[in-house]
C-alpha atoms as a PDB file:
ATOM      1  CA  MET A   1     -26.693   5.234  -5.268  1.00  0.00           C
ATOM      2  CA  SER A   2     -24.913   8.070  -2.918  1.00  0.00           C
ATOM      3  CA  ASN A   3     -26.981   7.350   0.324  1.00  0.00           C
ATOM      4  CA  GLU A   4     -26.975   3.684  -0.055  1.00  0.00           C
ATOM      5  CA  LEU A   5     -23.221   2.845  -0.880  1.00  0.00           C
ATOM      6  CA  THR A   6     -22.044   1.880   2.735  1.00  0.00           C
ATOM      7  CA  PHE A   7     -18.692   0.262   4.069  1.00  0.00           C
ATOM      8  CA  SER A   8     -18.167  -2.472   6.396  1.00  0.00           C
ATOM      9  CA  ILE A   9     -14.555  -3.150   8.033  1.00  0.00           C
ATOM     10  CA  THR A  10     -13.215  -6.627   9.164  1.00  0.00           C
ATOM     11  CA  THR A  11      -9.954  -7.392  10.640  1.00  0.00           C
ATOM     12  CA  THR A  12      -7.752 -10.275  10.884  1.00  0.00           C
ATOM     13  CA  ARG A  13      -4.366 -10.898  12.920  1.00  0.00           C
ATOM     14  CA  PHE A  14      -1.396 -10.692  10.908  1.00  0.00           C
ATOM     15  CA  ASP A  15       1.620 -13.138  12.677  1.00  0.00           C
ATOM     16  CA  GLU A  16       3.378 -16.171  12.039  1.00  0.00           C
ATOM     17  CA  ASN A  17      -0.046 -18.434  12.530  1.00  0.00           C
ATOM     18  CA  TYR A  18      -1.896 -16.452   9.659  1.00  0.00           C
ATOM     19  CA  SER A  19      -3.733 -18.479   7.009  1.00  0.00           C
ATOM     20  CA  PRO A  20      -5.463 -16.122   3.809  1.00  0.00           C
ATOM     21  CA  SER A  21      -9.343 -16.896   4.164  1.00  0.00           C
ATOM     22  CA  GLU A  22     -10.756 -17.750   1.026  1.00  0.00           C
ATOM     23  CA  SER A  23     -11.924 -14.158   0.575  1.00  0.00           C
ATOM     24  CA  SER A  24      -8.783 -13.171   0.469  1.00  0.00           C
ATOM     25  CA  ARG A  25      -7.210 -11.455  -2.427  1.00  0.00           C
ATOM     26  CA  ALA A  26      -5.057 -13.698  -4.019  1.00  0.00           C
ATOM     27  CA  THR A  27      -2.797 -10.893  -4.980  1.00  0.00           C
ATOM     28  CA  THR A  28      -2.210  -9.037  -1.506  1.00  0.00           C
ATOM     29  CA  ASN A  29       1.489  -9.501  -0.651  1.00  0.00           C
ATOM     30  CA  PHE A  30       1.332 -10.706   2.425  1.00  0.00           C
ATOM     31  CA  ALA A  31      -1.221 -13.425   1.182  1.00  0.00           C
ATOM     32  CA  ASN A  32       1.600 -14.358  -1.088  1.00  0.00           C
ATOM     33  CA  LEU A  33       3.916 -14.759   1.793  1.00  0.00           C
ATOM     34  CA  ALA A  34       1.253 -17.256   3.492  1.00  0.00           C
ATOM     35  CA  ARG A  35       1.020 -20.324   1.280  1.00  0.00           C
ATOM     36  CA  GLY A  36       3.199 -22.893   0.951  1.00  0.00           C
ATOM     37  CA  GLU A  37       5.730 -25.052   2.548  1.00  0.00           C
ATOM     38  CA  HIS A  38       7.465 -22.145   3.925  1.00  0.00           C
ATOM     39  CA  ARG A  39       4.587 -20.196   4.580  1.00  0.00           C
ATOM     40  CA  GLN A  40       5.591 -20.133   8.771  1.00  0.00           C
ATOM     41  CA  GLN A  41       9.025 -19.443   8.101  1.00  0.00           C
ATOM     42  CA  ASN A  42       8.026 -16.863   5.950  1.00  0.00           C
ATOM     43  CA  LEU A  43       5.715 -15.276   8.379  1.00  0.00           C
ATOM     44  CA  ARG A  44       8.315 -15.501  11.344  1.00  0.00           C
ATOM     45  CA  ARG A  45      10.964 -13.978   9.294  1.00  0.00           C
ATOM     46  CA  THR A  46       8.831 -11.166   7.796  1.00  0.00           C
ATOM     47  CA  LEU A  47       7.928 -10.267  11.612  1.00  0.00           C
ATOM     48  CA  SER A  48      11.191 -10.212  12.884  1.00  0.00           C
ATOM     49  CA  MET A  49      12.629  -8.155  10.184  1.00  0.00           C
ATOM     50  CA  ILE A  50       9.934  -5.767  10.938  1.00  0.00           C
ATOM     51  CA  ASN A  51      10.891  -5.905  14.464  1.00  0.00           C
ATOM     52  CA  ASN A  52      14.654  -5.253  14.408  1.00  0.00           C
ATOM     53  CA  ARG A  53      14.029  -2.049  11.801  1.00  0.00           C
ATOM     54  CA  PHE A  54      11.550  -0.581  13.975  1.00  0.00           C
ATOM     55  CA  ASN A  55      14.140  -0.452  17.121  1.00  0.00           C
ATOM     56  CA  ASP A  56      17.075   0.454  14.585  1.00  0.00           C
ATOM     57  CA  LEU A  57      15.115   3.778  13.646  1.00  0.00           C
ATOM     58  CA  ALA A  58      13.892   4.045  17.498  1.00  0.00           C
ATOM     59  CA  ARG A  59      17.179   4.724  19.467  1.00  0.00           C
ATOM     60  CA  ARG A  60      16.041   6.820  21.881  1.00  0.00           C
ATOM     61  CA  GLU A  61      15.860   5.303  25.203  1.00  0.00           C
ATOM     62  CA  ASN A  62      16.063   2.010  23.856  1.00  0.00           C
ATOM     63  CA  PRO A  63      19.728   0.693  24.701  1.00  0.00           C
ATOM     64  CA  THR A  64      19.503  -2.989  24.082  1.00  0.00           C
ATOM     65  CA  GLY A  65      16.992  -2.408  20.821  1.00  0.00           C
ATOM     66  CA  ASP A  66      14.425  -4.523  21.876  1.00  0.00           C
ATOM     67  CA  ARG A  67      11.965  -1.936  23.609  1.00  0.00           C
ATOM     68  CA  PHE A  68       9.224  -2.232  20.693  1.00  0.00           C
ATOM     69  CA  SER A  69       7.476  -4.449  18.498  1.00  0.00           C
ATOM     70  CA  VAL A  70       5.126  -4.315  16.070  1.00  0.00           C
ATOM     71  CA  ASP A  71       1.410  -5.832  15.936  1.00  0.00           C
ATOM     72  CA  LEU A  72      -0.380  -6.108  12.516  1.00  0.00           C
ATOM     73  CA  GLU A  73      -4.025  -6.326  11.764  1.00  0.00           C
ATOM     74  CA  ILE A  74      -5.209  -6.979   7.952  1.00  0.00           C
ATOM     75  CA  VAL A  75      -8.170  -4.699   7.452  1.00  0.00           C
ATOM     76  CA  SER A  76     -10.451  -5.425   4.935  1.00  0.00           C
ATOM     77  CA  ALA A  77     -13.514  -2.717   3.668  1.00  0.00           C
ATOM     78  CA  ASP A  78     -16.117  -4.003   1.790  1.00  0.00           C
ATOM     79  CA  LEU A  79     -18.218  -1.613  -0.399  1.00  0.00           C
ATOM     80  CA  GLN A  80     -21.913  -2.518   0.202  1.00  0.00           C
ATOM     81  CA  PHE A  81     -24.884  -1.062  -1.525  1.00  0.00           C
ATOM     82  CA  HIS A  82     -28.116  -2.475  -2.853  1.00  0.00           C
ATOM     83  CA  THR A  83     -30.587  -2.556  -6.381  1.00  0.00           C
ATOM     84  CA  ALA A  84     -33.835  -3.135  -7.073  1.00  0.00           C
ATOM     85  CA  ASP A  85     -33.644  -6.741  -7.157  1.00  0.00           C
ATOM     86  CA  ALA A  86     -30.474  -7.582  -4.421  1.00  0.00           C
ATOM     87  CA  ASN A  87     -28.217  -6.147  -1.726  1.00  0.00           C
ATOM     88  CA  HIS A  88     -24.662  -6.201  -3.245  1.00  0.00           C
ATOM     89  CA  ARG A  89     -21.282  -6.720  -0.946  1.00  0.00           C
ATOM     90  CA  PHE A  90     -17.851  -6.578  -3.146  1.00  0.00           C
ATOM     91  CA  PRO A  91     -14.722  -6.334  -1.644  1.00  0.00           C
ATOM     92  CA  LEU A  92     -12.887  -3.223  -2.065  1.00  0.00           C
ATOM     93  CA  ILE A  93      -9.734  -2.540   0.105  1.00  0.00           C
ATOM     94  CA  GLU A  94      -7.057  -4.455   2.094  1.00  0.00           C
ATOM     95  CA  VAL A  95      -4.840  -2.497   4.187  1.00  0.00           C
ATOM     96  CA  LEU A  96      -2.426  -3.220   6.965  1.00  0.00           C
ATOM     97  CA  ASP A  97      -2.820  -1.274  10.371  1.00  0.00           C
ATOM     98  CA  ILE A  98      -0.093  -0.878  12.790  1.00  0.00           C
ATOM     99  CA  GLN A  99      -0.150  -1.036  17.051  1.00  0.00           C
ATOM    100  CA  ILE A 100       3.015  -0.270  18.146  1.00  0.00           C
ATOM    101  CA  VAL A 101       3.882  -2.353  21.464  1.00  0.00           C
ATOM    102  CA  ASP A 102       6.320  -0.572  24.114  1.00  0.00           C
ATOM    103  CA  HIS A 103       7.330  -3.216  26.232  1.00  0.00           C
ATOM    104  CA  ARG A 104       9.191  -1.090  28.590  1.00  0.00           C
ATOM    105  CA  THR A 105       6.132   0.639  29.759  1.00  0.00           C
ATOM    106  CA  GLY A 106       3.338  -1.750  28.571  1.00  0.00           C
ATOM    107  CA  HIS A 107       1.510   0.766  26.710  1.00  0.00           C
ATOM    108  CA  ARG A 108      -0.191  -0.048  23.083  1.00  0.00           C
ATOM    109  CA  LEU A 109       0.089   3.050  21.141  1.00  0.00           C
ATOM    110  CA  PRO A 110      -1.666   3.226  17.308  1.00  0.00           C
ATOM    111  CA  GLY A 111       0.004   3.140  14.078  1.00  0.00           C
ATOM    112  CA  ILE A 112      -0.776   4.328  10.837  1.00  0.00           C
ATOM    113  CA  VAL A 113      -3.214   2.223   8.274  1.00  0.00           C
ATOM    114  CA  GLY A 114      -2.695   2.089   4.908  1.00  0.00           C
ATOM    115  CA  ASN A 115       0.369  -0.167   4.825  1.00  0.00           C
ATOM    116  CA  ASN A 116       0.129  -2.629   2.012  1.00  0.00           C
ATOM    117  CA  PHE A 117      -2.389  -1.058  -0.234  1.00  0.00           C
ATOM    118  CA  SER A 118      -4.245  -3.375  -2.139  1.00  0.00           C
ATOM    119  CA  SER A 119      -7.462  -2.970  -4.574  1.00  0.00           C
ATOM    120  CA  TYR A 120      -9.526  -4.957  -6.825  1.00  0.00           C
ATOM    121  CA  VAL A 121     -10.443  -2.070  -8.906  1.00  0.00           C
ATOM    122  CA  ARG A 122      -7.028  -0.987  -9.234  1.00  0.00           C
ATOM    123  CA  ASP A 123      -6.118  -4.813 -10.318  1.00  0.00           C
ATOM    124  CA  TYR A 124      -9.074  -3.923 -13.087  1.00  0.00           C
ATOM    125  CA  ASP A 125      -7.816  -0.787 -14.244  1.00  0.00           C
ATOM    126  CA  PHE A 126      -3.897  -1.800 -14.195  1.00  0.00           C
ATOM    127  CA  SER A 127      -4.335  -5.345 -15.562  1.00  0.00           C
ATOM    128  CA  VAL A 128      -7.623  -5.562 -17.645  1.00  0.00           C
ATOM    129  CA  ARG A 129      -8.879  -1.355 -18.433  1.00  0.00           C
ATOM    130  CA  LEU A 130      -5.458  -0.371 -19.464  1.00  0.00           C
ATOM    131  CA  PRO A 131      -3.783  -3.141 -21.602  1.00  0.00           C
ATOM    132  CA  ALA A 132      -7.659  -3.559 -23.645  1.00  0.00           C
ATOM    133  CA  VAL A 133      -7.321   0.205 -24.379  1.00  0.00           C
ATOM    134  CA  ASN A 134      -3.522  -0.354 -25.626  1.00  0.00           C
ATOM    135  CA  LYS A 135      -4.030  -3.324 -27.505  1.00  0.00           C
ATOM    136  CA  GLY A 136      -2.578  -2.945 -31.393  1.00  0.00           C
ATOM    137  CA  SER A 137      -2.033   0.603 -30.802  1.00  0.00           C
ATOM    138  CA  SER A 138       1.881   1.774 -31.274  1.00  0.00           C
ATOM    139  CA  GLU A 139       1.526   4.516 -28.712  1.00  0.00           C
ATOM    140  CA  PHE A 140       0.784   4.030 -25.196  1.00  0.00           C
ATOM    141  CA  THR A 141      -2.856   5.690 -23.924  1.00  0.00           C
ATOM    142  CA  VAL A 142      -3.974   6.283 -20.808  1.00  0.00           C
ATOM    143  CA  PRO A 143      -7.826   7.134 -20.937  1.00  0.00           C
ATOM    144  CA  SER A 144      -8.722  10.672 -18.960  1.00  0.00           C
ATOM    145  CA  ASP A 145     -11.010   9.269 -16.597  1.00  0.00           C
ATOM    146  CA  PHE A 146      -8.556   6.188 -15.768  1.00  0.00           C
ATOM    147  CA  GLY A 147      -8.472   5.707 -11.909  1.00  0.00           C
ATOM    148  CA  VAL A 148     -11.121   7.984 -11.366  1.00  0.00           C
ATOM    149  CA  LEU A 149     -13.803   5.599 -10.018  1.00  0.00           C
ATOM    150  CA  HIS A 150     -11.551   3.686  -7.886  1.00  0.00           C
ATOM    151  CA  GLY A 151     -10.072   7.298  -6.503  1.00  0.00           C
ATOM    152  CA  LYS A 152     -13.841   8.536  -5.540  1.00  0.00           C
ATOM    153  CA  LEU A 153     -14.449   5.093  -3.867  1.00  0.00           C
ATOM    154  CA  PHE A 154     -11.184   5.789  -1.648  1.00  0.00           C
ATOM    155  CA  GLN A 155     -12.224   8.929  -0.770  1.00  0.00           C
ATOM    156  CA  HIS A 156     -15.700   8.037  -0.051  1.00  0.00           C
ATOM    157  CA  PHE A 157     -14.105   5.050   2.299  1.00  0.00           C
ATOM    158  CA  LEU A 158     -11.761   7.658   4.229  1.00  0.00           C
ATOM    159  CA  ASP A 159     -14.744  10.026   4.644  1.00  0.00           C
ATOM    160  CA  SER A 160     -17.083   7.101   5.772  1.00  0.00           C
ATOM    161  CA  ALA A 161     -18.700   6.174   9.272  1.00  0.00           C
ATOM    162  CA  ALA A 162     -17.017   2.668   9.168  1.00  0.00           C
ATOM    163  CA  PHE A 163     -13.637   4.616   8.390  1.00  0.00           C
ATOM    164  CA  GLY A 164     -13.900   7.146  11.202  1.00  0.00           C
ATOM    165  CA  GLU A 165     -15.276   5.005  14.058  1.00  0.00           C
ATOM    166  CA  ARG A 166     -11.950   3.024  13.440  1.00  0.00           C
ATOM    167  CA  PHE A 167      -9.061   4.987  12.721  1.00  0.00           C
ATOM    168  CA  GLU A 168      -8.129   8.562  14.233  1.00  0.00           C
ATOM    169  CA  VAL A 169      -5.778   9.451  11.551  1.00  0.00           C
ATOM    170  CA  ASP A 170      -5.884   9.316   7.889  1.00  0.00           C
ATOM    171  CA  PRO A 171      -3.940   6.648   6.026  1.00  0.00           C
ATOM    172  CA  VAL A 172      -0.017   6.754   4.602  1.00  0.00           C
ATOM    173  CA  ILE A 173       0.173   4.549   1.709  1.00  0.00           C
ATOM    174  CA  CYS A 174       4.056   3.757   1.182  1.00  0.00           C
ATOM    175  CA  ILE A 175       5.025   1.958  -1.702  1.00  0.00           C
ATOM    176  CA  SER A 176       8.282   1.617  -4.217  1.00  0.00           C
ATOM    177  CA  VAL A 177       9.665   4.226  -6.439  1.00  0.00           C
ATOM    178  CA  SER A 178       9.058   3.916  -9.946  1.00  0.00           C
ATOM    179  CA  THR A 179      11.316   2.218 -12.119  1.00  0.00           C
ATOM    180  CA  SER A 180       9.958   4.970 -15.351  1.00  0.00           C
ATOM    181  CA  ARG A 181      11.581   8.034 -13.229  1.00  0.00           C
ATOM    182  CA  THR A 182      14.753   9.738 -11.965  1.00  0.00           C
ATOM    183  CA  TYR A 183      14.886  10.837  -8.321  1.00  0.00           C
ATOM    184  CA  ARG A 184      16.886  13.576  -7.147  1.00  0.00           C
ATOM    185  CA  ARG A 185      18.451  14.424  -3.838  1.00  0.00           C
ATOM    186  CA  THR A 186      17.671  17.296  -2.049  1.00  0.00           C
ATOM    187  CA  GLY A 187      18.981  19.389   0.672  1.00  0.00           C
ATOM    188  CA  ASN A 188      15.644  18.345   2.761  1.00  0.00           C
ATOM    189  CA  GLN A 189      16.612  15.977   5.810  1.00  0.00           C
ATOM    190  CA  HIS A 190      13.640  14.506   8.447  1.00  0.00           C
ATOM    191  CA  PRO A 191      15.329  12.792  11.500  1.00  0.00           C
ATOM    192  CA  VAL A 192      13.073  10.166  10.966  1.00  0.00           C
ATOM    193  CA  LEU A 193      11.483   9.732   6.986  1.00  0.00           C
ATOM    194  CA  GLY A 194      15.240  10.426   6.349  1.00  0.00           C
ATOM    195  CA  VAL A 195      16.680  12.378   3.160  1.00  0.00           C
ATOM    196  CA  GLU A 196      14.429  13.897   0.529  1.00  0.00           C
ATOM    197  CA  TYR A 197      14.262  12.918  -3.113  1.00  0.00           C
ATOM    198  CA  GLN A 198      12.026  14.556  -6.160  1.00  0.00           C
ATOM    199  CA  GLN A 199      11.459  12.944  -9.450  1.00  0.00           C
ATOM    200  CA  ASP A 200      11.757  14.076 -12.650  1.00  0.00           C
ATOM    201  CA  ASP A 201       7.860  13.984 -13.376  1.00  0.00           C
ATOM    202  CA  TYR A 202       4.723  12.253 -11.944  1.00  0.00           C
ATOM    203  CA  SER A 203       4.425   8.721 -12.731  1.00  0.00           C
ATOM    204  CA  LEU A 204       1.200   6.889 -13.734  1.00  0.00           C
ATOM    205  CA  THR A 205       0.889   5.254  -9.943  1.00  0.00           C
ATOM    206  CA  ASP A 206       1.349   9.229  -8.828  1.00  0.00           C
ATOM    207  CA  GLU A 207      -1.296  10.178 -11.135  1.00  0.00           C
ATOM    208  CA  TYR A 208      -3.481   7.531 -10.278  1.00  0.00           C
ATOM    209  CA  PHE A 209      -3.065   8.402  -6.276  1.00  0.00           C
ATOM    210  CA  HIS A 210      -3.533  11.604  -6.571  1.00  0.00           C
ATOM    211  CA  LYS A 211      -6.836  10.705  -7.971  1.00  0.00           C
ATOM    212  CA  MET A 212      -7.302   9.194  -4.749  1.00  0.00           C
ATOM    213  CA  GLY A 213      -7.187  12.366  -2.975  1.00  0.00           C
ATOM    214  CA  LEU A 214      -3.247  12.299  -2.130  1.00  0.00           C
ATOM    215  CA  GLN A 215       0.053  13.943  -2.598  1.00  0.00           C
ATOM    216  CA  VAL A 216       3.432  12.115  -2.528  1.00  0.00           C
ATOM    217  CA  ARG A 217       6.737  12.625  -1.423  1.00  0.00           C
ATOM    218  CA  TYR A 218       9.868  10.621  -1.504  1.00  0.00           C
ATOM    219  CA  PHE A 219      12.136  10.010   1.469  1.00  0.00           C
ATOM    220  CA  MET A 220      15.096   7.488   2.007  1.00  0.00           C
ATOM    221  CA  PRO A 221      15.042   6.620   5.813  1.00  0.00           C
ATOM    222  CA  PRO A 222      18.165   6.674   7.818  1.00  0.00           C
ATOM    223  CA  GLY A 223      19.925   3.382   6.997  1.00  0.00           C
ATOM    224  CA  GLY A 224      18.020   2.455   3.801  1.00  0.00           C
ATOM    225  CA  VAL A 225      19.307   2.317   0.442  1.00  0.00           C
ATOM    226  CA  ALA A 226      16.784   3.639  -1.487  1.00  0.00           C
ATOM    227  CA  PRO A 227      13.735   6.047  -1.277  1.00  0.00           C
ATOM    228  CA  LEU A 228      10.325   5.241  -0.525  1.00  0.00           C
ATOM    229  CA  ALA A 229       7.116   7.093  -2.058  1.00  0.00           C
ATOM    230  CA  PHE A 230       4.783   8.026   0.562  1.00  0.00           C
ATOM    231  CA  TYR A 231       1.250   8.584  -0.310  1.00  0.00           C
ATOM    232  CA  PHE A 232      -0.819  10.766   2.025  1.00  0.00           C
ATOM    233  CA  ARG A 233      -3.391  13.701   2.254  1.00  0.00           C
ATOM    234  CA  GLY A 234      -2.655  16.598   5.050  1.00  0.00           C
ATOM    235  CA  ASP A 235       0.990  16.967   6.383  1.00  0.00           C
ATOM    236  CA  LEU A 236       3.131  14.199   6.695  1.00  0.00           C
ATOM    237  CA  PHE A 237       5.511  15.724   9.277  1.00  0.00           C
ATOM    238  CA  SER A 238       2.962  17.513  11.817  1.00  0.00           C
ATOM    239  CA  ASP A 239      -0.217  14.734  11.576  1.00  0.00           C
ATOM    240  CA  TYR A 240       2.434  11.898  12.566  1.00  0.00           C
ATOM    241  CA  SER A 241       4.170  10.863  15.635  1.00  0.00           C
ATOM    242  CA  ASP A 242       8.100   9.787  15.039  1.00  0.00           C
ATOM    243  CA  LEU A 243       6.959   6.206  16.368  1.00  0.00           C
ATOM    244  CA  GLN A 244       3.496   5.929  13.453  1.00  0.00           C
ATOM    245  CA  LEU A 245       6.583   7.000  10.782  1.00  0.00           C
ATOM    246  CA  ILE A 246       8.683   4.463  12.141  1.00  0.00           C
ATOM    247  CA  GLY A 247       6.258   2.278  12.070  1.00  0.00           C
ATOM    248  CA  THR A 248       4.924   2.568   8.544  1.00  0.00           C
ATOM    249  CA  ILE A 249       8.783   2.585   7.503  1.00  0.00           C
ATOM    250  CA  SER A 250       9.840  -0.746   9.304  1.00  0.00           C
ATOM    251  CA  VAL A 251       6.826  -2.220   7.887  1.00  0.00           C
ATOM    252  CA  MET A 252       6.696  -1.141   3.880  1.00  0.00           C
ATOM    253  CA  GLU A 253      10.695  -1.441   3.848  1.00  0.00           C
ATOM    254  CA  THR A 254      10.509  -4.843   4.832  1.00  0.00           C
ATOM    255  CA  PHE A 255       7.680  -6.114   2.439  1.00  0.00           C
ATOM    256  CA  GLN A 256       9.923  -4.087  -0.278  1.00  0.00           C
ATOM    257  CA  LYS A 257      12.987  -5.719   0.596  1.00  0.00           C
ATOM    258  CA  ILE A 258      11.446  -8.732   0.050  1.00  0.00           C
ATOM    259  CA  TYR A 259       8.964  -7.736  -3.549  1.00  0.00           C
ATOM    260  CA  ARG A 260      12.141  -5.709  -4.836  1.00  0.00           C
ATOM    261  CA  PRO A 261      15.129  -6.735  -3.356  1.00  0.00           C
ATOM    262  CA  GLU A 262      17.094  -5.348  -6.542  1.00  0.00           C
ATOM    263  CA  ILE A 263      16.016  -2.062  -5.257  1.00  0.00           C
ATOM    264  CA  TYR A 264      15.727  -2.118  -1.444  1.00  0.00           C
ATOM    265  CA  ASN A 265      18.353  -4.891  -0.435  1.00  0.00           C
ATOM    266  CA  ALA A 266      21.225  -3.345  -2.857  1.00  0.00           C
ATOM    267  CA  HIS A 267      24.422  -3.442  -1.665  1.00  0.00           C
ATOM    268  CA  SER A 268      25.099   0.281  -2.389  1.00  0.00           C
ATOM    269  CA  ALA A 269      22.611   3.307  -1.349  1.00  0.00           C
ATOM    270  CA  ALA A 270      20.937   5.460  -4.116  1.00  0.00           C
ATOM    271  CA  ALA A 271      23.077   8.532  -5.267  1.00  0.00           C
ATOM    272  CA  ASP A 272      22.706  11.980  -5.446  1.00  0.00           C
ATOM    273  CA  VAL A 273      20.402  11.405  -8.886  1.00  0.00           C
ATOM    274  CA  TYR A 274      18.774   7.812  -8.978  1.00  0.00           C
ATOM    275  CA  ARG A 275      17.045   5.767 -11.391  1.00  0.00           C
ATOM    276  CA  PRO A 276      15.721   2.700  -9.521  1.00  0.00           C
ATOM    277  CA  SER A 277      15.942  -0.534 -11.504  1.00  0.00           C
ATOM    278  CA  LEU A 278      15.001  -4.201 -11.337  1.00  0.00           C
ATOM    279  CA  ASP A 279      17.916  -5.872 -13.740  1.00  0.00           C
ATOM    280  CA  GLN A 280      20.834  -4.380 -11.508  1.00  0.00           C
ATOM    281  CA  GLN A 281      22.703  -7.179 -10.065  1.00  0.00           C
ATOM    282  CA  ASP A 282      24.232  -5.900  -6.899  1.00  0.00           C
ATOM    283  CA  TYR A 283      21.621  -6.975  -4.220  1.00  0.00           C
ATOM    284  CA  SER A 284      20.586  -9.584  -1.854  1.00  0.00           C
ATOM    285  CA  ARG A 285      17.725 -11.592  -1.904  1.00  0.00           C
ATOM    286  CA  THR A 286      15.690 -12.211   1.629  1.00  0.00           C
ATOM    287  CA  PRO A 287      15.683 -15.594   3.125  1.00  0.00           C
ATOM    288  CA  ILE A 288      11.958 -15.271   2.584  1.00  0.00           C
ATOM    289  CA  VAL A 289      10.308 -17.218  -0.417  1.00  0.00           C
ATOM    290  CA  TYR A 290       8.190 -14.934  -2.962  1.00  0.00           C
ATOM    291  CA  ASP A 291       6.237 -15.386  -6.103  1.00  0.00           C
ATOM    292  CA  ARG A 292       6.529 -12.193  -7.903  1.00  0.00           C
ATOM    293  CA  ASP A 293       5.742 -13.459 -11.407  1.00  0.00           C
ATOM    294  CA  GLU A 294       2.360 -15.650  -9.599  1.00  0.00           C
ATOM    295  CA  ARG A 295       1.451 -11.949  -8.211  1.00  0.00           C
ATOM    296  CA  SER A 296       1.333 -10.607 -11.923  1.00  0.00           C
ATOM    297  CA  GLN A 297      -0.605 -13.346 -13.363  1.00  0.00           C
ATOM    298  CA  LEU A 298      -3.108 -13.295 -10.145  1.00  0.00           C
ATOM    299  CA  ALA A 299      -3.695  -9.465 -10.557  1.00  0.00           C
ATOM    300  CA  LYS A 300      -4.757  -9.928 -14.175  1.00  0.00           C
ATOM    301  CA  LYS A 301      -7.272 -12.852 -12.876  1.00  0.00           C
ATOM    302  CA  GLN A 302      -8.414 -10.789  -9.910  1.00  0.00           C
ATOM    303  CA  GLY A 303      -8.638  -7.886 -12.522  1.00  0.00           C
ATOM    304  CA  ALA A 304     -11.051  -9.874 -14.759  1.00  0.00           C
ATOM    305  CA  TYR A 305     -13.269 -10.786 -11.698  1.00  0.00           C
ATOM    306  CA  THR A 306     -13.730  -7.396 -10.801  1.00  0.00           C
ATOM    307  CA  GLU A 307     -15.118  -6.559 -14.322  1.00  0.00           C
ATOM    308  CA  GLU A 308     -17.461  -9.692 -14.052  1.00  0.00           C
ATOM    309  CA  HIS A 309     -19.015  -9.193 -10.703  1.00  0.00           C
ATOM    310  CA  PHE A 310     -18.419  -5.444 -10.387  1.00  0.00           C
ATOM    311  CA  ILE A 311     -17.887  -3.188 -13.202  1.00  0.00           C
ATOM    312  CA  LYS A 312     -20.141  -5.155 -15.851  1.00  0.00           C
ATOM    313  CA  PRO A 313     -22.736  -5.483 -13.847  1.00  0.00           C
ATOM    314  CA  HIS A 314     -23.261  -2.201 -12.116  1.00  0.00           C
ATOM    315  CA  ARG A 315     -21.981   0.047 -14.437  1.00  0.00           C
ATOM    316  CA  GLU A 316     -24.855   2.270 -14.872  1.00  0.00           C
ATOM    317  CA  LEU A 317     -25.394   2.776 -11.185  1.00  0.00           C
ATOM    318  CA  LEU A 318     -21.642   3.443 -10.774  1.00  0.00           C
ATOM    319  CA  GLU A 319     -21.545   6.113 -13.308  1.00  0.00           C
ATOM    320  CA  GLN A 320     -24.691   7.573 -11.850  1.00  0.00           C
ATOM    321  CA  TRP A 321     -22.926   7.765  -8.478  1.00  0.00           C
ATOM    322  CA  ALA A 322     -19.724   8.902  -9.904  1.00  0.00           C
ATOM    323  CA  SER A 323     -20.859  11.656 -11.403  1.00  0.00           C
ATOM    324  CA  ARG A 324     -22.680  13.027  -8.113  1.00  0.00           C
ATOM    325  CA  ASN A 325     -19.448  12.728  -6.214  1.00  0.00           C
ATOM    326  CA  PRO A 326     -16.347  15.137  -7.110  1.00  0.00           C
ATOM    327  CA  VAL A 327     -12.748  14.089  -6.876  1.00  0.00           C
ATOM    328  CA  LEU A 328     -10.806  16.013  -4.178  1.00  0.00           C
ATOM    329  CA  VAL A 329      -6.983  16.068  -5.732  1.00  0.00           C
ATOM    330  CA  GLY A 330      -4.262  15.987  -2.565  1.00  0.00           C
END
C-alpha cells in the first residue's frame, strides 16, 4: 500500500460568504460557525476579530492599525489508495491556510498552514476507540498504539508531493491548553509569541501530536490572557517570520475566544502558575454563535463513520502499511 497511498488537496475560500459543502466535516469548527440564521454575521465578526488582532500585534509602521488583513482558505486533504477491486478516497485532514495582505505595499505574503486542524481519524481515536477501550473499566487506559496510525498518516502527508507542491513551510498547529494540566510561567519571552509557559506533564493531546512528529511549546502572546499550545516540527523561532507567527496567533486566538471564552476571553490574565478551567465564571462571551455541545456529538458520529468506512474495511491494508512506515517523533 505504501506506493499506492497518495494525497490530493482542494481549497475553499473562507470568508463571510462561506457555506460548508456536503463533504465538509460537520465537526470542523469553522463549519459550525457557518450554519444557521446567524451564519454570515458570525463569519463577518470572526474575520473582523482576526484582522483587528493581527494589526494589534503587527504595530511596526502601522500607525492607523489597518495596514494588514488576513485571507483564509480551507485546505482539504483526501487520502487516495486502491485495493484489488476498487479505487478509494477518504477525507483525512482539514486545516486553514493563511495569506497576509499588506495594504501599504500591495504584497500578499504566505502565512502558516495548520490552523484549526481537523481530522476524521482523530475523531475515531478519541470519540470511538478510546471510549470503547475504557467502557466498564474503573481505571482509565490508553492503548499503547493509540494515535500511531494517525501519526503515520499525518507525517506521510507532510512528506508527500501534494503537500510539498502547495506549501513552502511545515504547518504549525495551535490549539487550547489542556484543562487537565498545570502551566508555569518561565523567564523566556518572544516579541511575538509572548511569555513562555511549561506544563507539569504531557497531556494525552500532547502525546497524540507527538506521534504526529510534532513537539509542543506554550506561549501567551502580548495582550492575551492565556497561553496557547503550539505544535510544530523544526524550529518555531527561526523557521517562520514574525508576520507568519502573528497570522497564526490572530486566527487561533480568535477561534479560541469563540470556542473557549472561559479561558481565552477571561477578564484576568493567566497567573505565573496557571490551571485552565471551563468552570470559571469571570469571562465574556463573544457575540458569535457557536454550539460546543453539538460539536461534541458530531465528533462521535464522524468517528463512527470513520470506523465503518475506513478503519474496518481497510484494517489489514492499513496495518500492513503502518508496519512498514516508522513514526518520526518531534
